[in-house]
C-alpha atoms as a PDB file:
ATOM      1  CA  UNK A   1     111.497 139.754  91.900  1.00  0.00           C
ATOM      2  CA  UNK A   2     108.096 137.574  92.291  1.00  0.00           C
ATOM      3  CA  UNK A   3     105.596 137.314  89.679  1.00  0.00           C
ATOM      4  CA  UNK A   4     101.981 136.024  90.087  1.00  0.00           C
ATOM      5  CA  UNK A   5     102.489 133.175  87.616  1.00  0.00           C
ATOM      6  CA  UNK A   6     105.513 131.755  89.863  1.00  0.00           C
ATOM      7  CA  UNK A   7     104.808 127.721  91.403  1.00  0.00           C
ATOM      8  CA  UNK A   8     105.425 127.787  95.030  1.00  0.00           C
ATOM      9  CA  UNK A   9     108.397 125.144  96.238  1.00  0.00           C
ATOM     10  CA  UNK A  10     106.622 121.914  97.179  1.00  0.00           C
ATOM     11  CA  UNK A  11     106.690 121.296 101.136  1.00  0.00           C
ATOM     12  CA  UNK A  12     109.806 118.352 100.936  1.00  0.00           C
ATOM     13  CA  UNK A  13     108.036 116.692 104.351  1.00  0.00           C
ATOM     14  CA  UNK A  14     104.395 116.719 102.397  1.00  0.00           C
ATOM     15  CA  UNK A  15     103.248 113.948 101.616  1.00  0.00           C
ATOM     16  CA  UNK A  16     102.825 112.880  98.086  1.00  0.00           C
ATOM     17  CA  UNK A  17      99.656 113.243  96.320  1.00  0.00           C
ATOM     18  CA  UNK A  18      98.476 110.527  94.384  1.00  0.00           C
ATOM     19  CA  UNK A  19      95.094 109.774  92.787  1.00  0.00           C
ATOM     20  CA  UNK A  20      92.429 107.379  95.306  1.00  0.00           C
ATOM     21  CA  UNK A  21      92.680 103.515  93.705  1.00  0.00           C
ATOM     22  CA  UNK A  22      96.637 104.401  92.206  1.00  0.00           C
ATOM     23  CA  UNK A  23      99.535 102.037  94.237  1.00  0.00           C
ATOM     24  CA  UNK A  24     101.406 104.538  96.312  1.00  0.00           C
ATOM     25  CA  UNK A  25     105.345 105.244  95.321  1.00  0.00           C
ATOM     26  CA  UNK A  26     107.193 103.139  98.964  1.00  0.00           C
ATOM     27  CA  UNK A  27     106.642  99.972  99.590  1.00  0.00           C
ATOM     28  CA  UNK A  28     106.490 101.927 103.414  1.00  0.00           C
ATOM     29  CA  UNK A  29     103.505 103.411 101.703  1.00  0.00           C
ATOM     30  CA  UNK A  30     101.995 100.104  99.865  1.00  0.00           C
ATOM     31  CA  UNK A  31     102.335  99.121 103.802  1.00  0.00           C
ATOM     32  CA  UNK A  32      99.999 101.271 105.442  1.00  0.00           C
ATOM     33  CA  UNK A  33      97.164 102.062 101.940  1.00  0.00           C
ATOM     34  CA  UNK A  34      97.992  97.720 102.736  1.00  0.00           C
ATOM     35  CA  UNK A  35      96.481  97.443 106.600  1.00  0.00           C
ATOM     36  CA  UNK A  36      94.126 100.611 106.100  1.00  0.00           C
ATOM     37  CA  UNK A  37      91.824  97.845 103.771  1.00  0.00           C
ATOM     38  CA  UNK A  38      92.609  95.035 105.800  1.00  0.00           C
ATOM     39  CA  UNK A  39      90.763  96.563 108.972  1.00  0.00           C
ATOM     40  CA  UNK A  40      87.884  97.477 105.739  1.00  0.00           C
ATOM     41  CA  UNK A  41      87.956  94.531 104.774  1.00  0.00           C
ATOM     42  CA  UNK A  42      87.605  92.812 107.787  1.00  0.00           C
ATOM     43  CA  UNK A  43      84.428  95.546 109.396  1.00  0.00           C
ATOM     44  CA  UNK A  44      83.414  93.773 105.691  1.00  0.00           C
ATOM     45  CA  UNK A  45      83.200  90.399 107.252  1.00  0.00           C
ATOM     46  CA  UNK A  46      81.600  91.293 109.940  1.00  0.00           C
ATOM     47  CA  UNK A  47      78.869  93.146 107.854  1.00  0.00           C
ATOM     48  CA  UNK A  48      77.544  90.866 105.525  1.00  0.00           C
ATOM     49  CA  UNK A  49      78.718  87.658 107.209  1.00  0.00           C
ATOM     50  CA  UNK A  50      80.403  84.676 106.508  1.00  0.00           C
ATOM     51  CA  UNK A  51      79.212  83.892 102.919  1.00  0.00           C
ATOM     52  CA  UNK A  52      80.367  87.511 101.369  1.00  0.00           C
ATOM     53  CA  UNK A  53      82.464  87.122  98.242  1.00  0.00           C
ATOM     54  CA  UNK A  54      85.561  88.415  97.521  1.00  0.00           C
ATOM     55  CA  UNK A  55      83.577  92.165  94.998  1.00  0.00           C
ATOM     56  CA  UNK A  56      81.396  91.915  98.104  1.00  0.00           C
ATOM     57  CA  UNK A  57      84.578  93.021 100.470  1.00  0.00           C
ATOM     58  CA  UNK A  58      85.757  94.763  97.649  1.00  0.00           C
ATOM     59  CA  UNK A  59      83.043  97.304  98.054  1.00  0.00           C
ATOM     60  CA  UNK A  60      82.293  97.239 101.631  1.00  0.00           C
ATOM     61  CA  UNK A  61      86.081  98.230 101.797  1.00  0.00           C
ATOM     62  CA  UNK A  62      86.196 101.786  99.144  1.00  0.00           C
ATOM     63  CA  UNK A  63      88.088  99.883  96.557  1.00  0.00           C
ATOM     64  CA  UNK A  64      88.058  97.917  93.384  1.00  0.00           C
ATOM     65  CA  UNK A  65      88.580  94.607  93.415  1.00  0.00           C
ATOM     66  CA  UNK A  66      92.004  93.995  91.324  1.00  0.00           C
ATOM     67  CA  UNK A  67      93.457  96.265  93.461  1.00  0.00           C
ATOM     68  CA  UNK A  68      92.060  93.816  96.508  1.00  0.00           C
ATOM     69  CA  UNK A  69      93.976  91.113  94.369  1.00  0.00           C
ATOM     70  CA  UNK A  70      97.290  93.933  93.549  1.00  0.00           C
ATOM     71  CA  UNK A  71      97.005  93.697  97.856  1.00  0.00           C
ATOM     72  CA  UNK A  72      95.853  89.652  98.117  1.00  0.00           C
ATOM     73  CA  UNK A  73      96.350  87.940  94.977  1.00  0.00           C
ATOM     74  CA  UNK A  74      93.244  85.746  95.980  1.00  0.00           C
ATOM     75  CA  UNK A  75      90.616  84.221  99.046  1.00  0.00           C
ATOM     76  CA  UNK A  76      93.781  82.314 100.724  1.00  0.00           C
ATOM     77  CA  UNK A  77      96.310  85.039 100.480  1.00  0.00           C
ATOM     78  CA  UNK A  78      93.330  87.304 101.884  1.00  0.00           C
ATOM     79  CA  UNK A  79      92.574  84.805 104.585  1.00  0.00           C
ATOM     80  CA  UNK A  80      96.119  84.653 105.249  1.00  0.00           C
ATOM     81  CA  UNK A  81      96.053  88.123 106.370  1.00  0.00           C
ATOM     82  CA  UNK A  82      92.760  88.583 108.327  1.00  0.00           C
ATOM     83  CA  UNK A  83      93.983  85.322 109.951  1.00  0.00           C
ATOM     84  CA  UNK A  84      97.536  87.037 111.254  1.00  0.00           C
ATOM     85  CA  UNK A  85      95.583  91.106 112.249  1.00  0.00           C
ATOM     86  CA  UNK A  86      93.331  89.250 114.232  1.00  0.00           C
ATOM     87  CA  UNK A  87      96.589  86.392 115.335  1.00  0.00           C
ATOM     88  CA  UNK A  88      97.763  88.914 117.331  1.00  0.00           C
ATOM     89  CA  UNK A  89      94.751  90.517 119.895  1.00  0.00           C
ATOM     90  CA  UNK A  90      94.273  86.353 119.744  1.00  0.00           C
ATOM     91  CA  UNK A  91      97.717  85.715 120.765  1.00  0.00           C
ATOM     92  CA  UNK A  92      98.643  87.903 123.746  1.00  0.00           C
ATOM     93  CA  UNK A  93      95.185  87.030 125.452  1.00  0.00           C
ATOM     94  CA  UNK A  94      96.421  84.042 125.259  1.00  0.00           C
ATOM     95  CA  UNK A  95     100.171  84.786 126.994  1.00  0.00           C
ATOM     96  CA  UNK A  96      98.376  86.715 129.177  1.00  0.00           C
ATOM     97  CA  UNK A  97      95.757  83.309 130.401  1.00  0.00           C
ATOM     98  CA  UNK A  98      99.091  81.397 130.260  1.00  0.00           C
ATOM     99  CA  UNK A  99     100.904  83.845 132.552  1.00  0.00           C
ATOM    100  CA  UNK A 100      98.006  84.431 135.177  1.00  0.00           C
ATOM    101  CA  UNK A 101      99.461  80.633 136.262  1.00  0.00           C
ATOM    102  CA  UNK A 102      97.591  77.425 136.918  1.00  0.00           C
ATOM    103  CA  UNK A 103      98.153  73.835 137.362  1.00  0.00           C
ATOM    104  CA  UNK A 104      98.256  72.581 133.481  1.00  0.00           C
ATOM    105  CA  UNK A 105      95.682  71.784 132.846  1.00  0.00           C
ATOM    106  CA  UNK A 106      94.143  74.966 134.590  1.00  0.00           C
ATOM    107  CA  UNK A 107      96.593  76.642 131.256  1.00  0.00           C
ATOM    108  CA  UNK A 108      95.151  75.159 128.931  1.00  0.00           C
ATOM    109  CA  UNK A 109      91.310  75.193 129.680  1.00  0.00           C
ATOM    110  CA  UNK A 110      92.700  79.209 129.824  1.00  0.00           C
ATOM    111  CA  UNK A 111      93.547  78.919 126.364  1.00  0.00           C
ATOM    112  CA  UNK A 112      91.006  77.210 124.948  1.00  0.00           C
ATOM    113  CA  UNK A 113      89.262  79.783 126.554  1.00  0.00           C
ATOM    114  CA  UNK A 114      90.085  82.827 125.070  1.00  0.00           C
ATOM    115  CA  UNK A 115      90.287  81.251 121.620  1.00  0.00           C
ATOM    116  CA  UNK A 116      86.163  79.915 122.142  1.00  0.00           C
ATOM    117  CA  UNK A 117      85.686  82.925 123.263  1.00  0.00           C
ATOM    118  CA  UNK A 118      86.589  85.094 120.484  1.00  0.00           C
ATOM    119  CA  UNK A 119      85.023  82.174 118.868  1.00  0.00           C
ATOM    120  CA  UNK A 120      81.732  83.501 120.444  1.00  0.00           C
ATOM    121  CA  UNK A 121      82.360  87.257 119.674  1.00  0.00           C
ATOM    122  CA  UNK A 122      83.480  87.169 116.299  1.00  0.00           C
ATOM    123  CA  UNK A 123      81.270  83.985 115.027  1.00  0.00           C
ATOM    124  CA  UNK A 124      80.628  86.297 111.639  1.00  0.00           C
ATOM    125  CA  UNK A 125      84.582  86.331 110.694  1.00  0.00           C
ATOM    126  CA  UNK A 126      85.146  82.961 111.769  1.00  0.00           C
ATOM    127  CA  UNK A 127      82.949  81.453 109.883  1.00  0.00           C
ATOM    128  CA  UNK A 128      84.030  83.122 107.013  1.00  0.00           C
ATOM    129  CA  UNK A 129      87.739  81.737 107.569  1.00  0.00           C
ATOM    130  CA  UNK A 130      86.754  78.583 108.056  1.00  0.00           C
ATOM    131  CA  UNK A 131      83.833  78.352 105.047  1.00  0.00           C
ATOM    132  CA  UNK A 132      87.651  78.584 103.213  1.00  0.00           C
ATOM    133  CA  UNK A 133      88.241  74.473 104.165  1.00  0.00           C
ATOM    134  CA  UNK A 134      84.953  74.026 101.312  1.00  0.00           C
ATOM    135  CA  UNK A 135      87.208  75.564  98.981  1.00  0.00           C
ATOM    136  CA  UNK A 136      90.426  74.457  99.005  1.00  0.00           C
ATOM    137  CA  UNK A 137      91.437  71.426  96.859  1.00  0.00           C
ATOM    138  CA  UNK A 138      92.263  68.370  98.533  1.00  0.00           C
ATOM    139  CA  UNK A 139      94.868  70.141 100.842  1.00  0.00           C
ATOM    140  CA  UNK A 140      91.815  69.993 102.525  1.00  0.00           C
ATOM    141  CA  UNK A 141      92.731  71.872 106.322  1.00  0.00           C
ATOM    142  CA  UNK A 142      96.337  71.752 106.165  1.00  0.00           C
ATOM    143  CA  UNK A 143      96.426  74.363 103.790  1.00  0.00           C
ATOM    144  CA  UNK A 144      93.684  76.620 106.617  1.00  0.00           C
ATOM    145  CA  UNK A 145      95.738  80.092 107.384  1.00  0.00           C
ATOM    146  CA  UNK A 146      94.475  79.900 110.759  1.00  0.00           C
ATOM    147  CA  UNK A 147      95.036  75.739 111.036  1.00  0.00           C
ATOM    148  CA  UNK A 148      98.595  76.520 109.783  1.00  0.00           C
ATOM    149  CA  UNK A 149      99.414  79.304 112.337  1.00  0.00           C
ATOM    150  CA  UNK A 150      97.423  77.759 115.040  1.00  0.00           C
ATOM    151  CA  UNK A 151      99.767  73.640 114.025  1.00  0.00           C
ATOM    152  CA  UNK A 152     102.951  75.813 113.979  1.00  0.00           C
ATOM    153  CA  UNK A 153     102.393  77.810 117.089  1.00  0.00           C
ATOM    154  CA  UNK A 154     101.501  74.721 118.564  1.00  0.00           C
ATOM    155  CA  UNK A 155     104.190  72.723 117.893  1.00  0.00           C
ATOM    156  CA  UNK A 156     106.539  74.594 118.858  1.00  0.00           C
ATOM    157  CA  UNK A 157     105.151  74.951 122.483  1.00  0.00           C
ATOM    158  CA  UNK A 158     104.813  71.786 122.943  1.00  0.00           C
ATOM    159  CA  UNK A 159     108.810  71.212 121.678  1.00  0.00           C
ATOM    160  CA  UNK A 160     109.213  72.891 124.534  1.00  0.00           C
ATOM    161  CA  UNK A 161     107.295  71.067 127.209  1.00  0.00           C
ATOM    162  CA  UNK A 162     108.590  67.679 126.146  1.00  0.00           C
ATOM    163  CA  UNK A 163     112.010  68.434 125.947  1.00  0.00           C
ATOM    164  CA  UNK A 164     112.426  70.727 128.700  1.00  0.00           C
ATOM    165  CA  UNK A 165     110.903  67.532 130.276  1.00  0.00           C
ATOM    166  CA  UNK A 166     113.208  65.338 128.952  1.00  0.00           C
ATOM    167  CA  UNK A 167     111.250  63.486 127.029  1.00  0.00           C
ATOM    168  CA  UNK A 168     110.757  61.872 123.475  1.00  0.00           C
ATOM    169  CA  UNK A 169     109.693  65.546 121.175  1.00  0.00           C
ATOM    170  CA  UNK A 170     109.225  63.685 117.857  1.00  0.00           C
ATOM    171  CA  UNK A 171     105.895  63.676 118.012  1.00  0.00           C
ATOM    172  CA  UNK A 172     104.239  67.177 118.370  1.00  0.00           C
ATOM    173  CA  UNK A 173     104.119  67.693 114.592  1.00  0.00           C
ATOM    174  CA  UNK A 174     101.742  65.492 114.343  1.00  0.00           C
ATOM    175  CA  UNK A 175     100.309  66.482 117.940  1.00  0.00           C
ATOM    176  CA  UNK A 176     100.213  69.893 117.225  1.00  0.00           C
ATOM    177  CA  UNK A 177      98.022  69.497 114.131  1.00  0.00           C
ATOM    178  CA  UNK A 178      95.831  66.909 116.176  1.00  0.00           C
ATOM    179  CA  UNK A 179      95.530  69.215 118.904  1.00  0.00           C
ATOM    180  CA  UNK A 180      93.903  72.037 116.280  1.00  0.00           C
ATOM    181  CA  UNK A 181      91.794  70.009 114.406  1.00  0.00           C
ATOM    182  CA  UNK A 182      90.622  68.333 117.168  1.00  0.00           C
ATOM    183  CA  UNK A 183      89.848  72.358 118.784  1.00  0.00           C
ATOM    184  CA  UNK A 184      88.171  73.235 115.240  1.00  0.00           C
ATOM    185  CA  UNK A 185      86.110  70.319 115.164  1.00  0.00           C
ATOM    186  CA  UNK A 186      84.959  70.067 119.148  1.00  0.00           C
ATOM    187  CA  UNK A 187      84.614  73.907 118.536  1.00  0.00           C
ATOM    188  CA  UNK A 188      82.076  73.873 115.881  1.00  0.00           C
ATOM    189  CA  UNK A 189      80.081  71.545 117.220  1.00  0.00           C
ATOM    190  CA  UNK A 190      79.772  73.388 120.621  1.00  0.00           C
ATOM    191  CA  UNK A 191      78.672  76.391 119.112  1.00  0.00           C
ATOM    192  CA  UNK A 192      75.834  74.312 117.291  1.00  0.00           C
ATOM    193  CA  UNK A 193      74.727  72.522 120.713  1.00  0.00           C
ATOM    194  CA  UNK A 194      75.558  74.248 122.976  1.00  0.00           C
ATOM    195  CA  UNK A 195      74.827  71.267 125.527  1.00  0.00           C
ATOM    196  CA  UNK A 196      77.598  72.987 128.321  1.00  0.00           C
ATOM    197  CA  UNK A 197      79.087  75.794 129.471  1.00  0.00           C
ATOM    198  CA  UNK A 198      81.692  77.360 127.585  1.00  0.00           C
ATOM    199  CA  UNK A 199      83.955  76.622 131.150  1.00  0.00           C
ATOM    200  CA  UNK A 200      82.751  73.100 130.680  1.00  0.00           C
ATOM    201  CA  UNK A 201      83.416  72.818 127.656  1.00  0.00           C
ATOM    202  CA  UNK A 202      86.996  73.987 127.937  1.00  0.00           C
ATOM    203  CA  UNK A 203      87.692  72.483 130.971  1.00  0.00           C
ATOM    204  CA  UNK A 204      87.433  69.303 128.721  1.00  0.00           C
ATOM    205  CA  UNK A 205      89.710  70.054 125.616  1.00  0.00           C
ATOM    206  CA  UNK A 206      91.889  70.461 127.893  1.00  0.00           C
ATOM    207  CA  UNK A 207      91.252  67.057 130.774  1.00  0.00           C
ATOM    208  CA  UNK A 208      91.985  65.561 126.976  1.00  0.00           C
ATOM    209  CA  UNK A 209      95.398  67.243 125.809  1.00  0.00           C
ATOM    210  CA  UNK A 210      97.074  66.793 128.964  1.00  0.00           C
ATOM    211  CA  UNK A 211      95.977  63.227 129.189  1.00  0.00           C
ATOM    212  CA  UNK A 212      98.356  63.463 125.981  1.00  0.00           C
ATOM    213  CA  UNK A 213     101.282  64.964 127.507  1.00  0.00           C
ATOM    214  CA  UNK A 214     101.506  63.829 131.083  1.00  0.00           C
ATOM    215  CA  UNK A 215     100.947  60.551 129.551  1.00  0.00           C
ATOM    216  CA  UNK A 216     104.542  60.852 126.812  1.00  0.00           C
ATOM    217  CA  UNK A 217     106.500  61.467 130.654  1.00  0.00           C
ATOM    218  CA  UNK A 218     105.442  64.824 131.021  1.00  0.00           C
ATOM    219  CA  UNK A 219     104.400  66.960 134.883  1.00  0.00           C
ATOM    220  CA  UNK A 220     104.455  69.568 134.916  1.00  0.00           C
ATOM    221  CA  UNK A 221     103.985  73.610 132.445  1.00  0.00           C
ATOM    222  CA  UNK A 222     106.627  75.804 133.611  1.00  0.00           C
ATOM    223  CA  UNK A 223     106.753  80.083 132.559  1.00  0.00           C
ATOM    224  CA  UNK A 224     110.389  79.579 131.679  1.00  0.00           C
ATOM    225  CA  UNK A 225     109.786  76.900 128.843  1.00  0.00           C
ATOM    226  CA  UNK A 226     107.001  79.400 127.385  1.00  0.00           C
ATOM    227  CA  UNK A 227     108.270  82.282 127.982  1.00  0.00           C
ATOM    228  CA  UNK A 228     111.021  80.677 126.135  1.00  0.00           C
ATOM    229  CA  UNK A 229     109.293  78.998 123.027  1.00  0.00           C
ATOM    230  CA  UNK A 230     107.663  82.773 121.930  1.00  0.00           C
ATOM    231  CA  UNK A 231     110.848  83.464 119.777  1.00  0.00           C
ATOM    232  CA  UNK A 232     110.482  80.254 117.922  1.00  0.00           C
ATOM    233  CA  UNK A 233     106.477  80.670 117.588  1.00  0.00           C
ATOM    234  CA  UNK A 234     106.346  83.970 116.569  1.00  0.00           C
ATOM    235  CA  UNK A 235     108.852  82.697 114.081  1.00  0.00           C
ATOM    236  CA  UNK A 236     107.132  79.554 112.934  1.00  0.00           C
ATOM    237  CA  UNK A 237     103.785  81.463 112.225  1.00  0.00           C
ATOM    238  CA  UNK A 238     105.666  84.285 110.430  1.00  0.00           C
ATOM    239  CA  UNK A 239     106.903  81.783 108.158  1.00  0.00           C
ATOM    240  CA  UNK A 240     103.411  79.790 107.360  1.00  0.00           C
ATOM    241  CA  UNK A 241     101.615  83.809 106.687  1.00  0.00           C
ATOM    242  CA  UNK A 242     104.228  84.533 104.022  1.00  0.00           C
ATOM    243  CA  UNK A 243     103.974  81.717 101.998  1.00  0.00           C
ATOM    244  CA  UNK A 244     100.122  81.675 102.050  1.00  0.00           C
ATOM    245  CA  UNK A 245     100.356  85.071 101.060  1.00  0.00           C
ATOM    246  CA  UNK A 246     102.905  84.409  98.301  1.00  0.00           C
ATOM    247  CA  UNK A 247     101.560  84.540  94.746  1.00  0.00           C
ATOM    248  CA  UNK A 248     100.493  81.497  94.102  1.00  0.00           C
ATOM    249  CA  UNK A 249     102.342  80.758  91.374  1.00  0.00           C
ATOM    250  CA  UNK A 250     105.126  80.967  93.974  1.00  0.00           C
ATOM    251  CA  UNK A 251     103.226  78.562  97.097  1.00  0.00           C
ATOM    252  CA  UNK A 252     104.359  75.336  97.679  1.00  0.00           C
ATOM    253  CA  UNK A 253     102.370  72.854  96.494  1.00  0.00           C
ATOM    254  CA  UNK A 254      99.129  72.041  97.226  1.00  0.00           C
ATOM    255  CA  UNK A 255      97.949  75.946  97.337  1.00  0.00           C
ATOM    256  CA  UNK A 256      94.690  77.024  96.151  1.00  0.00           C
ATOM    257  CA  UNK A 257      92.698  79.861  95.222  1.00  0.00           C
ATOM    258  CA  UNK A 258      89.590  78.833  96.369  1.00  0.00           C
ATOM    259  CA  UNK A 259      86.524  79.859  95.312  1.00  0.00           C
ATOM    260  CA  UNK A 260      86.089  83.972  94.364  1.00  0.00           C
ATOM    261  CA  UNK A 261      83.356  85.506  93.216  1.00  0.00           C
END
């Protein structure tokens, strides 16, 4: 017979209860919590701006600074997570742009336009990400998550295009990272000067890049080649972001925490 002091058996389907701020008990739960924090941090960057500190972002996302470090390690790790999250949308938009078809220069202009329009929509986040470059050690731009992931993706794509054309693909990686640096510097110039329309700007970027590819013997960029390169591009980008998001002591030489005030 049940008494007033009997304890009801817990519902096995109910989620485990825990105090706020404590680590969740499972990898899946921790991953969900990390995504929630990341969304909060991105929102805080939009509100505070490019100069937002880790302490301000932690407060804006409803966590303590130690919890931020627990999930993202340091500023570089957090930047990698922010870039990885936003890249999902940018990459999807770029793929849709390419799938719409067109001549090589037109396709390249569409891809550049996806990036430039993102920067226009998200100036605070772009500024915060780029600010990391000034906080890095000797590695400089090569350690910037946005540059490393974009370079990894682009090197796979350029390599596929060169091989499909039957020409030397040895230059794919330096060309890819050179193009990323060129695009970042040119976009920064355009944002500050605005001396031409966005369409003219991306057309000039496309003309420059296509000039290099066509001079190597590439005559076209076909859909089969682009689609075939996607799995390798995704894998390359994942490897880059995973290496950056490791604890600082486990990263390849040259990585660093940067300022984290």
